[in-house]
């Protein structure tokens, strides 16, 4: 069971951990919120989660592009 947990944690986007750090809220609670709300609302929070992950990737890319010292 621990191997499955590590597999998904390594390949996750990090949205829940980023939200937990910003809001000073337990990460497990945020993950449970996404899971339970996905079951209750038939998957609409998954769209929010994926869009937040995309925004994080775009933001990281833009920060990398704005860095004046990309290559030496």
C-alpha atoms as a PDB file:
ATOM      1  CA  UNK A   1       0.000   0.000   0.000  1.00  0.00           C
ATOM      2  CA  UNK A   2       2.859   2.355   0.804  1.00  0.00           C
ATOM      3  CA  UNK A   3       4.386   1.749  -2.641  1.00  0.00           C
ATOM      4  CA  UNK A   4       1.146   2.837  -4.329  1.00  0.00           C
ATOM      5  CA  UNK A   5       1.041   5.968  -2.198  1.00  0.00           C
ATOM      6  CA  UNK A   6       4.626   6.860  -3.086  1.00  0.00           C
ATOM      7  CA  UNK A   7       3.953   6.202  -6.779  1.00  0.00           C
ATOM      8  CA  UNK A   8       1.098   8.703  -6.893  1.00  0.00           C
ATOM      9  CA  UNK A   9       2.860  11.289  -4.717  1.00  0.00           C
ATOM     10  CA  UNK A  10       5.874  11.323  -7.044  1.00  0.00           C
ATOM     11  CA  UNK A  11       3.741  11.857 -10.129  1.00  0.00           C
ATOM     12  CA  UNK A  12       1.180  14.288  -8.692  1.00  0.00           C
ATOM     13  CA  UNK A  13       1.083  17.931  -9.668  1.00  0.00           C
ATOM     14  CA  UNK A  14       1.588  19.273  -6.158  1.00  0.00           C
ATOM     15  CA  UNK A  15      -1.558  21.393  -6.118  1.00  0.00           C
ATOM     16  CA  UNK A  16      -2.701  20.210  -2.686  1.00  0.00           C
ATOM     17  CA  UNK A  17       0.718  20.680  -1.113  1.00  0.00           C
ATOM     18  CA  UNK A  18       1.058  24.167  -2.602  1.00  0.00           C
ATOM     19  CA  UNK A  19      -2.391  25.145  -1.306  1.00  0.00           C
ATOM     20  CA  UNK A  20      -1.538  23.716   2.104  1.00  0.00           C
ATOM     21  CA  UNK A  21       1.660  25.742   2.290  1.00  0.00           C
ATOM     22  CA  UNK A  22      -0.035  28.972   1.208  1.00  0.00           C
ATOM     23  CA  UNK A  23      -3.089  28.623   3.451  1.00  0.00           C
ATOM     24  CA  UNK A  24      -1.270  26.985   6.414  1.00  0.00           C
ATOM     25  CA  UNK A  25      -3.775  24.134   6.266  1.00  0.00           C
ATOM     26  CA  UNK A  26      -3.113  20.362   6.536  1.00  0.00           C
ATOM     27  CA  UNK A  27      -2.447  18.822   3.132  1.00  0.00           C
ATOM     28  CA  UNK A  28      -4.383  15.658   3.939  1.00  0.00           C
ATOM     29  CA  UNK A  29      -7.519  17.700   4.608  1.00  0.00           C
ATOM     30  CA  UNK A  30      -7.239  19.430   1.248  1.00  0.00           C
ATOM     31  CA  UNK A  31      -6.780  16.102  -0.536  1.00  0.00           C
ATOM     32  CA  UNK A  32      -9.783  14.620   1.235  1.00  0.00           C
ATOM     33  CA  UNK A  33     -11.838  17.679   0.285  1.00  0.00           C
ATOM     34  CA  UNK A  34     -11.004  17.182  -3.408  1.00  0.00           C
ATOM     35  CA  UNK A  35     -11.768  13.459  -3.219  1.00  0.00           C
ATOM     36  CA  UNK A  36     -15.081  13.771  -1.379  1.00  0.00           C
ATOM     37  CA  UNK A  37     -16.272  16.750  -3.386  1.00  0.00           C
ATOM     38  CA  UNK A  38     -15.427  14.903  -6.609  1.00  0.00           C
ATOM     39  CA  UNK A  39     -17.684  12.033  -5.594  1.00  0.00           C
ATOM     40  CA  UNK A  40     -20.488  14.311  -4.444  1.00  0.00           C
ATOM     41  CA  UNK A  41     -20.479  16.675  -7.440  1.00  0.00           C
ATOM     42  CA  UNK A  42     -19.647  14.021 -10.059  1.00  0.00           C
ATOM     43  CA  UNK A  43     -16.144  15.197 -10.883  1.00  0.00           C
ATOM     44  CA  UNK A  44     -16.355  18.964 -11.221  1.00  0.00           C
ATOM     45  CA  UNK A  45     -13.543  19.618  -8.659  1.00  0.00           C
ATOM     46  CA  UNK A  46     -11.261  17.561 -10.884  1.00  0.00           C
ATOM     47  CA  UNK A  47     -11.596  20.321 -13.484  1.00  0.00           C
ATOM     48  CA  UNK A  48     -10.596  22.887 -10.847  1.00  0.00           C
ATOM     49  CA  UNK A  49      -7.644  20.733  -9.769  1.00  0.00           C
ATOM     50  CA  UNK A  50      -6.352  20.264 -13.310  1.00  0.00           C
ATOM     51  CA  UNK A  51      -6.772  23.957 -14.133  1.00  0.00           C
ATOM     52  CA  UNK A  52      -4.817  24.882 -10.990  1.00  0.00           C
ATOM     53  CA  UNK A  53      -2.086  22.443 -12.002  1.00  0.00           C
ATOM     54  CA  UNK A  54      -1.929  23.989 -15.469  1.00  0.00           C
ATOM     55  CA  UNK A  55      -1.660  27.482 -13.973  1.00  0.00           C
ATOM     56  CA  UNK A  56       1.190  26.321 -11.755  1.00  0.00           C
ATOM     57  CA  UNK A  57       3.060  24.901 -14.760  1.00  0.00           C
ATOM     58  CA  UNK A  58       2.530  28.047 -16.846  1.00  0.00           C
ATOM     59  CA  UNK A  59       3.617  30.240 -13.960  1.00  0.00           C
ATOM     60  CA  UNK A  60       6.797  28.193 -13.485  1.00  0.00           C
ATOM     61  CA  UNK A  61       7.509  28.409 -17.228  1.00  0.00           C
ATOM     62  CA  UNK A  62       7.031  32.190 -17.265  1.00  0.00           C
ATOM     63  CA  UNK A  63       9.338  32.618 -14.293  1.00  0.00           C
ATOM     64  CA  UNK A  64      11.949  30.584 -16.111  1.00  0.00           C
ATOM     65  CA  UNK A  65      11.571  32.709 -19.242  1.00  0.00           C
ATOM     66  CA  UNK A  66      11.852  35.998 -17.302  1.00  0.00           C
ATOM     67  CA  UNK A  67      15.130  34.941 -15.746  1.00  0.00           C
ATOM     68  CA  UNK A  68      17.878  36.993 -17.457  1.00  0.00           C
ATOM     69  CA  UNK A  69      20.511  34.318 -16.826  1.00  0.00           C
ATOM     70  CA  UNK A  70      19.052  31.288 -18.595  1.00  0.00           C
ATOM     71  CA  UNK A  71      22.252  29.918 -20.084  1.00  0.00           C
ATOM     72  CA  UNK A  72      25.828  30.943 -19.597  1.00  0.00           C
END
